[in-house]
C-alpha cells in the first residue's frame, strides 16, 4: 500500500470519529493494522501533520490534532462557499442519495445514536460536494470533514443533542426543496445553516482536550 493510500485511510478514520482530539497514535500497532512498513506510515504522518490533522511532538510522538475555535469557524466558512456552489450548479447531484443520508440521520436521531447522526451528516455534505464532479474538491472535502469531525467531538463533550438535532430537520428541508426542483432555495438554506452553525460555535466549544501521552 502506498503512502497516499495510507494517508487517505487514516484521514477517513479520523473523519469517521475513530480517533479523539489529543489521542496519541501507536505507530507500531497502526503499521501492523494497515499492513504497511513504519517508513510508509511515517510518510503518511508527515502529510497529515502538514494538513493539520496530526501533531508531532518531539520525544513524545504523534497525536491527533485538536482544532481551535478559530479553525472550526474557518472550516464552516470554507464549506459555506464550496457546498453552496456545488448544490446550486453541480452537474452530478444525486437527490436520492441525499435523501437516503437524511433518512438514516433521522433514524439515528430517534434512537439516540449521536455518532450515527454525525456520520450521516458527513455523508450528506460529502455527497453535496461530490455533485461538483471535481476529484480535487472531493479530496479537499475529505480533509475538511476530518477536521470537522474532530471539532464535533470537542463540541459533543457538552451539548451534542442540542448541536446536532436542529440540523437534521434542515437537511430534510433541503432535500424537499431539491425534490421540488428549487436548487436556489436549497442552496440558500444550506448556506444559512452552515453560517449559523459557525456563528454559534462560541457557545458550544470547549478547549479541555489535551495531548495524551
N, C-alpha and C. Protein backbone atom coordinates (compact mmCIF):
# COMPACT_ATOMS: atom_id res chain seq x y z
N UNK A 1 0.85 -1.20 0.00
CA UNK A 1 0.00 0.00 0.00
C UNK A 1 0.88 1.25 0.00
N UNK A 2 0.57 2.19 -0.88
CA UNK A 2 1.35 3.41 -0.98
C UNK A 2 1.01 4.37 0.15
N UNK A 3 1.93 5.31 0.40
CA UNK A 3 1.70 6.26 1.50
C UNK A 3 0.47 7.11 1.25
N UNK A 4 0.16 7.40 -0.04
CA UNK A 4 -1.04 8.20 -0.33
C UNK A 4 -2.31 7.45 0.08
N UNK A 5 -2.31 6.14 -0.12
CA UNK A 5 -3.47 5.33 0.28
C UNK A 5 -3.57 5.25 1.79
N UNK A 6 -2.43 5.12 2.45
CA UNK A 6 -2.41 5.09 3.91
C UNK A 6 -2.92 6.42 4.46
N UNK A 7 -2.46 7.51 3.86
CA UNK A 7 -2.91 8.84 4.28
C UNK A 7 -4.42 8.95 4.17
N UNK A 8 -4.97 8.49 3.05
CA UNK A 8 -6.42 8.54 2.84
C UNK A 8 -7.15 7.68 3.86
N UNK A 9 -6.63 6.50 4.15
CA UNK A 9 -7.27 5.60 5.12
C UNK A 9 -7.30 6.23 6.51
N UNK A 10 -6.19 6.82 6.92
CA UNK A 10 -6.14 7.44 8.25
C UNK A 10 -7.05 8.65 8.31
N UNK A 11 -7.07 9.43 7.23
CA UNK A 11 -7.93 10.61 7.18
C UNK A 11 -9.40 10.20 7.28
N UNK A 12 -9.77 9.15 6.59
CA UNK A 12 -11.15 8.66 6.67
C UNK A 12 -11.47 8.13 8.07
N UNK A 13 -10.49 7.50 8.70
CA UNK A 13 -10.70 7.01 10.06
C UNK A 13 -10.94 8.16 11.03
N UNK A 14 -10.20 9.24 10.84
CA UNK A 14 -10.41 10.44 11.66
C UNK A 14 -11.79 11.00 11.40
N UNK A 15 -12.18 11.06 10.12
CA UNK A 15 -13.50 11.60 9.76
C UNK A 15 -14.63 10.75 10.30
N UNK A 16 -14.38 9.45 10.49
CA UNK A 16 -15.42 8.55 11.00
C UNK A 16 -15.59 8.66 12.51
N UNK A 17 -14.66 9.37 13.16
CA UNK A 17 -14.75 9.52 14.61
C UNK A 17 -14.02 8.44 15.38
N UNK A 18 -13.18 7.68 14.69
CA UNK A 18 -12.45 6.60 15.36
C UNK A 18 -11.45 7.14 16.37
N UNK A 19 -10.87 8.30 16.09
CA UNK A 19 -9.89 8.89 16.99
C UNK A 19 -10.46 10.14 17.66
N UNK A 20 -9.92 10.49 18.80
CA UNK A 20 -10.35 11.69 19.50
C UNK A 20 -9.22 12.71 19.57
N UNK A 21 -9.54 14.00 19.65
CA UNK A 21 -8.51 15.04 19.73
C UNK A 21 -7.55 14.78 20.90
N UNK A 22 -6.26 14.90 20.63
CA UNK A 22 -5.26 14.71 21.67
C UNK A 22 -4.80 13.28 21.85
N UNK A 23 -5.43 12.34 21.13
CA UNK A 23 -5.07 10.92 21.27
C UNK A 23 -3.72 10.64 20.64
N UNK A 24 -2.88 9.89 21.35
CA UNK A 24 -1.58 9.51 20.81
C UNK A 24 -1.73 8.28 19.91
N UNK A 25 -1.08 8.30 18.74
CA UNK A 25 -1.13 7.18 17.82
C UNK A 25 0.01 6.22 18.10
N UNK A 26 -0.32 4.94 18.16
CA UNK A 26 0.68 3.89 18.36
C UNK A 26 1.21 3.49 16.99
N UNK A 27 2.41 3.94 16.67
CA UNK A 27 2.97 3.73 15.34
C UNK A 27 3.09 2.26 14.99
N UNK A 28 3.60 1.46 15.91
CA UNK A 28 3.81 0.04 15.64
C UNK A 28 2.48 -0.67 15.41
N UNK A 29 1.51 -0.41 16.28
CA UNK A 29 0.20 -1.07 16.16
C UNK A 29 -0.52 -0.64 14.90
N UNK A 30 -0.43 0.64 14.56
CA UNK A 30 -1.13 1.14 13.38
C UNK A 30 -0.50 0.60 12.09
N UNK A 31 0.83 0.50 12.07
CA UNK A 31 1.52 -0.06 10.90
C UNK A 31 1.12 -1.52 10.70
N UNK A 32 1.00 -2.25 11.79
CA UNK A 32 0.59 -3.65 11.71
C UNK A 32 -0.85 -3.77 11.23
N UNK A 33 -1.70 -2.92 11.75
CA UNK A 33 -3.12 -2.96 11.37
C UNK A 33 -3.31 -2.65 9.89
N UNK A 34 -2.56 -1.66 9.39
CA UNK A 34 -2.68 -1.26 7.99
C UNK A 34 -1.83 -2.11 7.05
N UNK A 35 -1.00 -2.97 7.65
CA UNK A 35 -0.12 -3.87 6.89
C UNK A 35 0.83 -3.08 5.99
N UNK A 36 1.47 -2.09 6.60
CA UNK A 36 2.46 -1.27 5.89
C UNK A 36 3.71 -1.16 6.74
N UNK A 37 4.80 -0.72 6.12
CA UNK A 37 6.03 -0.52 6.86
C UNK A 37 5.92 0.75 7.71
N UNK A 38 6.76 0.83 8.71
CA UNK A 38 6.74 2.02 9.56
C UNK A 38 7.23 3.24 8.78
N UNK A 39 8.12 3.02 7.81
CA UNK A 39 8.58 4.14 6.98
C UNK A 39 7.43 4.71 6.15
N UNK A 40 6.60 3.82 5.58
CA UNK A 40 5.43 4.28 4.82
C UNK A 40 4.47 5.04 5.73
N UNK A 41 4.26 4.50 6.92
CA UNK A 41 3.36 5.15 7.87
C UNK A 41 3.89 6.53 8.26
N UNK A 42 5.20 6.64 8.44
CA UNK A 42 5.79 7.92 8.81
C UNK A 42 5.63 8.96 7.70
N UNK A 43 5.69 8.50 6.44
CA UNK A 43 5.43 9.42 5.32
C UNK A 43 4.00 9.95 5.40
N UNK A 44 3.06 9.07 5.72
CA UNK A 44 1.67 9.49 5.85
C UNK A 44 1.49 10.43 7.03
N UNK A 45 2.16 10.13 8.13
CA UNK A 45 2.10 11.02 9.29
C UNK A 45 2.57 12.42 8.91
N UNK A 46 3.66 12.49 8.13
CA UNK A 46 4.20 13.80 7.73
C UNK A 46 3.17 14.58 6.91
N UNK A 47 2.50 13.88 6.00
CA UNK A 47 1.47 14.53 5.18
C UNK A 47 0.31 15.02 6.04
N UNK A 48 -0.15 14.18 6.95
CA UNK A 48 -1.28 14.53 7.80
C UNK A 48 -0.92 15.64 8.80
N UNK A 49 0.33 15.68 9.21
CA UNK A 49 0.78 16.79 10.06
C UNK A 49 0.73 18.10 9.26
N UNK A 50 1.16 18.04 8.00
CA UNK A 50 1.14 19.23 7.15
C UNK A 50 -0.29 19.70 6.90
N UNK A 51 -1.23 18.75 6.88
CA UNK A 51 -2.64 19.09 6.67
C UNK A 51 -3.33 19.55 7.94
N UNK A 52 -2.64 19.46 9.07
CA UNK A 52 -3.21 19.92 10.32
C UNK A 52 -4.08 18.90 11.04
N UNK A 53 -4.03 17.63 10.60
CA UNK A 53 -4.83 16.59 11.24
C UNK A 53 -4.07 15.88 12.35
N UNK A 54 -2.75 15.88 12.26
CA UNK A 54 -1.90 15.29 13.29
C UNK A 54 -0.91 16.33 13.78
N UNK A 55 -0.36 16.06 14.95
CA UNK A 55 0.66 16.94 15.52
C UNK A 55 1.79 16.08 16.07
N UNK A 56 3.01 16.33 15.61
CA UNK A 56 4.17 15.59 16.09
C UNK A 56 4.86 16.40 17.18
N UNK A 57 5.04 15.78 18.33
CA UNK A 57 5.72 16.42 19.46
C UNK A 57 7.05 15.72 19.68
N UNK A 58 8.17 16.43 19.56
CA UNK A 58 9.48 15.80 19.74
C UNK A 58 9.56 15.05 21.07
N UNK A 59 10.09 13.84 20.99
CA UNK A 59 10.30 12.98 22.16
C UNK A 59 9.01 12.49 22.80
N UNK A 60 7.87 12.77 22.18
CA UNK A 60 6.60 12.30 22.73
C UNK A 60 5.80 11.47 21.73
N UNK A 61 5.86 11.82 20.45
CA UNK A 61 5.16 11.03 19.45
C UNK A 61 4.22 11.85 18.60
N UNK A 62 3.28 11.15 17.95
CA UNK A 62 2.32 11.77 17.05
C UNK A 62 0.93 11.70 17.67
N UNK A 63 0.24 12.83 17.65
CA UNK A 63 -1.07 12.93 18.28
C UNK A 63 -2.12 13.44 17.30
N UNK A 64 -3.37 13.07 17.55
CA UNK A 64 -4.48 13.63 16.79
C UNK A 64 -4.63 15.10 17.17
N UNK A 65 -4.78 15.95 16.17
CA UNK A 65 -4.89 17.39 16.43
C UNK A 65 -6.21 17.73 17.13
N UNK A 66 -6.21 18.84 17.82
CA UNK A 66 -7.42 19.36 18.47
C UNK A 66 -7.70 20.74 17.89
N UNK A 67 -8.64 20.85 16.95
CA UNK A 67 -8.89 22.13 16.28
C UNK A 67 -9.27 23.23 17.26
N UNK A 68 -8.77 24.42 17.00
CA UNK A 68 -9.15 25.58 17.81
C UNK A 68 -10.50 26.12 17.34
N UNK A 69 -11.07 27.00 18.13
CA UNK A 69 -12.33 27.63 17.75
C UNK A 69 -12.18 28.38 16.43
N UNK A 70 -11.08 29.10 16.28
CA UNK A 70 -10.85 29.87 15.06
C UNK A 70 -10.77 28.95 13.84
N UNK A 71 -10.11 27.81 13.99
CA UNK A 71 -10.02 26.86 12.88
C UNK A 71 -11.39 26.29 12.54
N UNK A 72 -12.16 25.95 13.56
CA UNK A 72 -13.50 25.40 13.33
C UNK A 72 -14.38 26.39 12.59
N UNK A 73 -14.30 27.65 12.97
CA UNK A 73 -15.08 28.68 12.29
C UNK A 73 -14.66 28.79 10.82
N UNK A 74 -13.37 28.70 10.57
CA UNK A 74 -12.86 28.78 9.20
C UNK A 74 -13.34 27.60 8.36
N UNK A 75 -13.41 26.40 8.97
CA UNK A 75 -13.91 25.23 8.25
C UNK A 75 -15.32 25.49 7.73
N UNK A 76 -16.16 26.06 8.60
CA UNK A 76 -17.55 26.31 8.21
C UNK A 76 -17.65 27.38 7.12
N UNK A 77 -16.79 28.39 7.20
CA UNK A 77 -16.79 29.42 6.17
C UNK A 77 -16.44 28.82 4.81
N UNK A 78 -15.40 27.98 4.78
CA UNK A 78 -15.00 27.33 3.53
C UNK A 78 -16.12 26.46 2.99
N UNK A 79 -16.74 25.70 3.87
CA UNK A 79 -17.81 24.81 3.44
C UNK A 79 -19.01 25.59 2.92
N UNK A 80 -19.31 26.72 3.53
CA UNK A 80 -20.45 27.51 3.08
C UNK A 80 -20.28 27.93 1.62
N UNK A 81 -19.06 28.28 1.24
CA UNK A 81 -18.80 28.69 -0.14
C UNK A 81 -18.83 27.49 -1.09
N UNK A 82 -18.11 26.44 -0.73
CA UNK A 82 -17.95 25.29 -1.63
C UNK A 82 -19.26 24.52 -1.79
N UNK A 83 -19.92 24.21 -0.67
CA UNK A 83 -21.12 23.39 -0.74
C UNK A 83 -22.29 24.12 -1.39
N UNK A 84 -22.40 25.41 -1.14
CA UNK A 84 -23.48 26.17 -1.77
C UNK A 84 -23.35 26.14 -3.28
N UNK A 85 -22.13 26.34 -3.78
CA UNK A 85 -21.90 26.31 -5.22
C UNK A 85 -22.17 24.93 -5.80
N UNK A 86 -21.73 23.88 -5.10
CA UNK A 86 -21.94 22.52 -5.60
C UNK A 86 -23.42 22.17 -5.65
N UNK A 87 -24.16 22.59 -4.63
CA UNK A 87 -25.59 22.28 -4.60
C UNK A 87 -26.34 23.07 -5.67
N UNK A 88 -25.90 24.27 -5.92
CA UNK A 88 -26.58 25.14 -6.88
C UNK A 88 -26.29 24.73 -8.32
N UNK A 89 -25.03 24.42 -8.62
CA UNK A 89 -24.65 24.21 -10.02
C UNK A 89 -24.06 22.84 -10.33
N UNK A 90 -23.88 22.00 -9.32
CA UNK A 90 -23.26 20.70 -9.57
C UNK A 90 -24.02 19.87 -10.59
N UNK A 91 -23.29 19.30 -11.54
CA UNK A 91 -23.91 18.53 -12.62
C UNK A 91 -24.15 17.07 -12.25
N UNK A 92 -23.65 16.66 -11.08
CA UNK A 92 -23.77 15.25 -10.70
C UNK A 92 -24.56 15.10 -9.39
N UNK A 93 -25.49 16.00 -9.16
CA UNK A 93 -26.27 15.97 -7.92
C UNK A 93 -27.20 14.76 -7.91
N UNK A 94 -27.13 13.98 -6.84
CA UNK A 94 -27.97 12.79 -6.68
C UNK A 94 -28.90 13.03 -5.49
N UNK A 95 -30.10 13.51 -5.77
CA UNK A 95 -31.04 13.86 -4.70
C UNK A 95 -31.45 12.62 -3.92
N UNK A 96 -31.61 11.50 -4.60
CA UNK A 96 -32.00 10.26 -3.92
C UNK A 96 -30.94 9.84 -2.90
N UNK A 97 -29.67 10.03 -3.26
CA UNK A 97 -28.59 9.71 -2.32
C UNK A 97 -28.66 10.61 -1.09
N UNK A 98 -28.88 11.89 -1.31
CA UNK A 98 -29.00 12.82 -0.19
C UNK A 98 -30.18 12.44 0.70
N UNK A 99 -31.30 12.07 0.08
CA UNK A 99 -32.48 11.69 0.85
C UNK A 99 -32.18 10.47 1.72
N UNK A 100 -31.41 9.54 1.19
CA UNK A 100 -31.06 8.35 1.96
C UNK A 100 -30.24 8.69 3.19
N UNK A 101 -29.30 9.61 3.07
CA UNK A 101 -28.50 10.00 4.23
C UNK A 101 -29.35 10.73 5.27
N UNK A 102 -30.28 11.55 4.80
CA UNK A 102 -31.15 12.27 5.74
C UNK A 102 -32.04 11.28 6.48
N UNK A 103 -32.58 10.29 5.78
CA UNK A 103 -33.43 9.29 6.42
C UNK A 103 -32.65 8.53 7.49
N UNK A 104 -31.40 8.18 7.18
CA UNK A 104 -30.57 7.48 8.16
C UNK A 104 -30.26 8.37 9.35
N UNK A 105 -30.00 9.65 9.11
CA UNK A 105 -29.74 10.58 10.21
C UNK A 105 -30.96 10.72 11.10
N UNK A 106 -32.14 10.76 10.49
CA UNK A 106 -33.38 10.85 11.28
C UNK A 106 -33.57 9.61 12.13
N UNK A 107 -33.26 8.44 11.57
CA UNK A 107 -33.37 7.20 12.33
C UNK A 107 -32.40 7.20 13.51
N UNK A 108 -31.15 7.63 13.26
CA UNK A 108 -30.16 7.69 14.33
C UNK A 108 -30.59 8.66 15.42
N UNK A 109 -31.21 9.75 15.01
CA UNK A 109 -31.67 10.75 15.98
C UNK A 109 -32.75 10.16 16.87
N UNK A 110 -33.65 9.38 16.27
CA UNK A 110 -34.75 8.79 17.04
C UNK A 110 -34.26 7.81 18.10
N UNK A 111 -33.18 7.09 17.79
CA UNK A 111 -32.70 6.08 18.74
C UNK A 111 -31.57 6.61 19.62
N UNK A 112 -31.25 7.89 19.48
CA UNK A 112 -30.23 8.50 20.32
C UNK A 112 -28.81 8.15 19.94
N UNK A 113 -28.59 7.81 18.67
CA UNK A 113 -27.25 7.46 18.19
C UNK A 113 -26.55 8.72 17.67
N UNK A 114 -25.91 9.46 18.57
CA UNK A 114 -25.25 10.71 18.19
C UNK A 114 -24.12 10.48 17.19
N UNK A 115 -23.38 9.39 17.39
CA UNK A 115 -22.29 9.06 16.47
C UNK A 115 -22.84 8.85 15.06
N UNK A 116 -23.96 8.13 14.97
CA UNK A 116 -24.58 7.88 13.68
C UNK A 116 -25.08 9.14 13.02
N UNK A 117 -25.65 10.05 13.82
CA UNK A 117 -26.12 11.32 13.27
C UNK A 117 -24.96 12.08 12.64
N UNK A 118 -23.84 12.14 13.35
CA UNK A 118 -22.67 12.86 12.84
C UNK A 118 -22.14 12.21 11.57
N UNK A 119 -22.13 10.87 11.54
CA UNK A 119 -21.64 10.16 10.36
C UNK A 119 -22.52 10.41 9.14
N UNK A 120 -23.83 10.31 9.31
CA UNK A 120 -24.75 10.54 8.18
C UNK A 120 -24.72 12.00 7.74
N UNK A 121 -24.50 12.90 8.68
CA UNK A 121 -24.36 14.31 8.33
C UNK A 121 -23.15 14.51 7.43
N UNK A 122 -22.04 13.86 7.78
CA UNK A 122 -20.84 13.97 6.95
C UNK A 122 -21.07 13.35 5.57
N UNK A 123 -21.77 12.22 5.54
CA UNK A 123 -22.08 11.60 4.25
C UNK A 123 -22.90 12.54 3.37
N UNK A 124 -23.85 13.23 3.99
CA UNK A 124 -24.70 14.18 3.27
C UNK A 124 -23.85 15.29 2.65
N UNK A 125 -22.99 15.88 3.47
CA UNK A 125 -22.18 17.00 2.98
C UNK A 125 -21.14 16.55 1.95
N UNK A 126 -20.60 15.35 2.13
CA UNK A 126 -19.64 14.83 1.15
C UNK A 126 -20.33 14.62 -0.20
N UNK A 127 -21.58 14.13 -0.16
CA UNK A 127 -22.33 13.91 -1.40
C UNK A 127 -22.65 15.23 -2.10
N UNK A 128 -22.90 16.27 -1.31
CA UNK A 128 -23.15 17.59 -1.89
C UNK A 128 -21.93 18.04 -2.69
N UNK A 129 -20.75 17.92 -2.11
CA UNK A 129 -19.53 18.35 -2.80
C UNK A 129 -19.24 17.45 -4.00
N UNK A 130 -19.56 16.17 -3.87
CA UNK A 130 -19.33 15.24 -4.98
C UNK A 130 -20.15 15.63 -6.21
N UNK A 131 -21.23 16.37 -6.01
CA UNK A 131 -22.06 16.82 -7.13
C UNK A 131 -21.28 17.71 -8.09
N UNK A 132 -20.20 18.31 -7.61
CA UNK A 132 -19.39 19.19 -8.46
C UNK A 132 -18.65 18.42 -9.54
N UNK A 133 -18.41 17.12 -9.30
CA UNK A 133 -17.67 16.31 -10.25
C UNK A 133 -16.17 16.53 -10.22
N UNK A 134 -15.68 17.22 -9.19
CA UNK A 134 -14.25 17.53 -9.08
C UNK A 134 -13.57 16.62 -8.06
N UNK A 135 -12.60 15.83 -8.52
CA UNK A 135 -11.87 14.96 -7.61
C UNK A 135 -11.04 15.77 -6.62
N UNK A 136 -10.51 16.91 -7.06
CA UNK A 136 -9.71 17.74 -6.15
C UNK A 136 -10.58 18.31 -5.03
N UNK A 137 -11.80 18.72 -5.37
CA UNK A 137 -12.70 19.20 -4.32
C UNK A 137 -13.08 18.07 -3.38
N UNK A 138 -13.28 16.86 -3.92
CA UNK A 138 -13.60 15.71 -3.08
C UNK A 138 -12.49 15.48 -2.06
N UNK A 139 -11.24 15.53 -2.53
CA UNK A 139 -10.10 15.30 -1.64
C UNK A 139 -10.00 16.40 -0.60
N UNK A 140 -10.21 17.64 -1.03
CA UNK A 140 -10.16 18.76 -0.08
C UNK A 140 -11.28 18.63 0.95
N UNK A 141 -12.44 18.16 0.51
CA UNK A 141 -13.57 18.00 1.43
C UNK A 141 -13.28 16.90 2.44
N UNK A 142 -12.61 15.83 2.01
CA UNK A 142 -12.23 14.77 2.96
C UNK A 142 -11.38 15.35 4.09
N UNK A 143 -10.45 16.21 3.73
CA UNK A 143 -9.59 16.83 4.74
C UNK A 143 -10.40 17.73 5.67
N UNK A 144 -11.27 18.55 5.09
CA UNK A 144 -12.08 19.46 5.90
C UNK A 144 -13.02 18.68 6.82
N UNK A 145 -13.65 17.62 6.29
CA UNK A 145 -14.60 16.86 7.10
C UNK A 145 -13.90 16.11 8.23
N UNK A 146 -12.66 15.66 7.98
CA UNK A 146 -11.91 15.02 9.05
C UNK A 146 -11.66 16.01 10.18
N UNK A 147 -11.28 17.23 9.81
CA UNK A 147 -11.07 18.27 10.82
C UNK A 147 -12.38 18.63 11.51
N UNK A 148 -13.47 18.65 10.73
CA UNK A 148 -14.76 18.97 11.31
C UNK A 148 -15.19 17.91 12.31
N UNK A 149 -14.87 16.63 12.02
CA UNK A 149 -15.26 15.57 12.95
C UNK A 149 -14.56 15.76 14.29
N UNK A 150 -13.30 16.18 14.24
CA UNK A 150 -12.59 16.47 15.49
C UNK A 150 -13.25 17.63 16.22
N UNK A 151 -13.69 18.63 15.47
CA UNK A 151 -14.38 19.77 16.08
C UNK A 151 -15.68 19.33 16.72
N UNK A 152 -16.42 18.44 16.03
CA UNK A 152 -17.69 17.95 16.56
C UNK A 152 -17.47 17.18 17.84
N UNK A 153 -16.37 16.41 17.91
CA UNK A 153 -16.06 15.67 19.13
C UNK A 153 -15.84 16.64 20.29
N UNK A 154 -15.15 17.75 20.02
CA UNK A 154 -14.95 18.76 21.05
C UNK A 154 -16.29 19.32 21.50
N UNK A 155 -17.15 19.65 20.55
CA UNK A 155 -18.47 20.19 20.86
C UNK A 155 -19.31 19.16 21.61
N UNK A 156 -19.19 17.89 21.20
CA UNK A 156 -20.04 16.84 21.73
C UNK A 156 -19.81 16.58 23.21
N UNK A 157 -18.72 17.04 23.76
CA UNK A 157 -18.49 16.85 25.19
C UNK A 157 -19.52 17.59 26.03
N UNK A 158 -20.17 18.59 25.44
CA UNK A 158 -21.08 19.39 26.25
C UNK A 158 -22.53 19.32 25.82
N UNK A 159 -22.82 19.44 24.51
CA UNK A 159 -24.21 19.55 24.11
C UNK A 159 -24.45 18.98 22.71
N UNK A 160 -24.15 17.69 22.53
CA UNK A 160 -24.28 17.11 21.20
C UNK A 160 -25.72 17.13 20.72
N UNK A 161 -26.69 16.80 21.58
CA UNK A 161 -28.08 16.74 21.15
C UNK A 161 -28.55 18.11 20.66
N UNK A 162 -28.27 19.13 21.46
CA UNK A 162 -28.68 20.48 21.10
C UNK A 162 -27.98 20.93 19.83
N UNK A 163 -26.73 20.51 19.65
CA UNK A 163 -25.96 20.96 18.49
C UNK A 163 -26.40 20.26 17.21
N UNK A 164 -26.64 18.95 17.27
CA UNK A 164 -26.91 18.17 16.07
C UNK A 164 -28.37 18.20 15.63
N UNK A 165 -29.29 18.04 16.57
CA UNK A 165 -30.69 17.79 16.23
C UNK A 165 -31.32 18.79 15.26
N UNK A 166 -31.17 20.10 15.46
CA UNK A 166 -31.86 21.04 14.57
C UNK A 166 -31.43 20.92 13.11
N UNK A 167 -30.21 20.47 12.88
CA UNK A 167 -29.70 20.46 11.52
C UNK A 167 -30.23 19.29 10.70
N UNK A 168 -30.61 18.21 11.36
CA UNK A 168 -31.20 17.09 10.63
C UNK A 168 -32.51 17.52 9.98
N UNK A 169 -33.31 18.28 10.69
CA UNK A 169 -34.57 18.77 10.12
C UNK A 169 -34.30 19.73 8.96
N UNK A 170 -33.21 20.47 9.04
CA UNK A 170 -32.89 21.38 7.94
C UNK A 170 -32.38 20.61 6.72
N UNK A 171 -31.66 19.51 6.94
CA UNK A 171 -31.28 18.66 5.82
C UNK A 171 -32.53 18.14 5.11
N UNK A 172 -33.54 17.78 5.90
CA UNK A 172 -34.80 17.30 5.32
C UNK A 172 -35.44 18.40 4.47
N UNK A 173 -35.42 19.61 4.96
CA UNK A 173 -35.99 20.73 4.20
C UNK A 173 -35.22 20.95 2.90
N UNK A 174 -33.90 20.81 2.97
CA UNK A 174 -33.07 20.97 1.76
C UNK A 174 -33.45 19.92 0.72
N UNK A 175 -33.58 18.67 1.15
CA UNK A 175 -33.96 17.60 0.23
C UNK A 175 -35.35 17.85 -0.35
N UNK A 176 -36.28 18.29 0.49
CA UNK A 176 -37.64 18.58 0.00
C UNK A 176 -37.60 19.64 -1.10
N UNK A 177 -36.78 20.67 -0.91
CA UNK A 177 -36.66 21.72 -1.91
C UNK A 177 -36.04 21.19 -3.20
N UNK A 178 -35.04 20.32 -3.06
CA UNK A 178 -34.41 19.74 -4.24
C UNK A 178 -35.38 18.86 -5.01
N UNK A 179 -36.21 18.12 -4.28
CA UNK A 179 -37.19 17.25 -4.93
C UNK A 179 -38.23 18.07 -5.69
N UNK A 180 -38.43 19.31 -5.27
CA UNK A 180 -39.35 20.21 -5.97
C UNK A 180 -38.65 20.96 -7.10
N UNK A 181 -37.34 20.74 -7.24
CA UNK A 181 -36.59 21.38 -8.31
C UNK A 181 -36.08 22.77 -7.98
N UNK A 182 -36.18 23.17 -6.71
CA UNK A 182 -35.77 24.53 -6.32
C UNK A 182 -34.35 24.50 -5.75
N UNK A 183 -33.36 24.39 -6.62
CA UNK A 183 -31.98 24.29 -6.17
C UNK A 183 -31.51 25.60 -5.54
N UNK A 184 -32.00 26.72 -6.03
CA UNK A 184 -31.57 28.01 -5.49
C UNK A 184 -31.97 28.14 -4.03
N UNK A 185 -33.21 27.79 -3.71
CA UNK A 185 -33.68 27.87 -2.32
C UNK A 185 -32.95 26.87 -1.44
N UNK A 186 -32.69 25.68 -1.98
CA UNK A 186 -31.97 24.66 -1.22
C UNK A 186 -30.55 25.12 -0.91
N UNK A 187 -29.89 25.72 -1.91
CA UNK A 187 -28.52 26.21 -1.72
C UNK A 187 -28.49 27.34 -0.70
N UNK A 188 -29.48 28.22 -0.75
CA UNK A 188 -29.54 29.33 0.20
C UNK A 188 -29.75 28.81 1.62
N UNK A 189 -30.61 27.81 1.78
CA UNK A 189 -30.86 27.23 3.09
C UNK A 189 -29.60 26.54 3.62
N UNK A 190 -28.89 25.83 2.76
CA UNK A 190 -27.66 25.16 3.19
C UNK A 190 -26.63 26.19 3.64
N UNK A 191 -26.47 27.26 2.88
CA UNK A 191 -25.51 28.29 3.25
C UNK A 191 -25.90 28.91 4.59
N UNK A 192 -27.17 29.24 4.76
CA UNK A 192 -27.62 29.84 6.01
C UNK A 192 -27.37 28.91 7.19
N UNK A 193 -27.59 27.61 6.97
CA UNK A 193 -27.38 26.62 8.03
C UNK A 193 -25.92 26.57 8.45
N UNK A 194 -25.02 26.54 7.47
CA UNK A 194 -23.59 26.47 7.78
C UNK A 194 -23.08 27.74 8.46
N UNK A 195 -23.53 28.89 7.98
CA UNK A 195 -23.10 30.15 8.58
C UNK A 195 -23.66 30.29 9.99
N UNK A 196 -24.90 29.90 10.18
CA UNK A 196 -25.50 29.98 11.52
C UNK A 196 -24.78 29.05 12.50
N UNK A 197 -24.42 27.86 12.01
CA UNK A 197 -23.67 26.92 12.84
C UNK A 197 -22.33 27.52 13.23
N UNK A 198 -21.65 28.10 12.25
CA UNK A 198 -20.36 28.75 12.52
C UNK A 198 -20.50 29.81 13.60
N UNK A 199 -21.54 30.60 13.51
CA UNK A 199 -21.69 31.73 14.41
C UNK A 199 -22.11 31.33 15.83
N UNK A 200 -22.58 30.09 16.00
CA UNK A 200 -22.97 29.66 17.35
C UNK A 200 -21.90 28.79 17.99
N UNK A 201 -20.75 28.63 17.32
CA UNK A 201 -19.69 27.78 17.87
C UNK A 201 -19.16 28.30 19.19
N UNK A 202 -19.14 29.62 19.37
CA UNK A 202 -18.59 30.20 20.60
C UNK A 202 -19.26 29.61 21.83
N UNK A 203 -20.56 29.30 21.73
CA UNK A 203 -21.31 28.80 22.88
C UNK A 203 -21.05 27.32 23.12
N UNK A 204 -20.65 26.59 22.07
CA UNK A 204 -20.55 25.14 22.16
C UNK A 204 -19.14 24.63 22.37
N UNK A 205 -18.15 25.46 22.09
CA UNK A 205 -16.78 24.97 22.04
C UNK A 205 -16.17 24.87 23.43
N UNK A 206 -15.35 23.83 23.60
CA UNK A 206 -14.58 23.66 24.83
C UNK A 206 -13.15 23.39 24.44
N UNK A 207 -12.22 23.76 25.27
CA UNK A 207 -10.80 23.60 24.91
C UNK A 207 -10.08 22.68 25.88
N UNK A 208 -10.82 21.72 26.49
CA UNK A 208 -10.18 20.92 27.53
C UNK A 208 -9.57 19.62 27.01
N UNK A 209 -9.44 19.45 25.69
CA UNK A 209 -8.73 18.29 25.16
C UNK A 209 -7.24 18.56 25.22
N UNK A 210 -6.51 17.66 25.84
CA UNK A 210 -5.06 17.80 25.95
C UNK A 210 -4.39 16.62 25.24
N UNK A 211 -3.17 16.84 24.79
CA UNK A 211 -2.40 15.74 24.21
C UNK A 211 -2.17 14.69 25.29
N UNK A 212 -2.50 13.42 24.95
CA UNK A 212 -2.42 12.37 25.96
C UNK A 212 -1.28 11.42 25.61
N UNK A 213 -0.27 11.39 26.46
CA UNK A 213 0.89 10.54 26.22
C UNK A 213 0.53 9.07 26.40
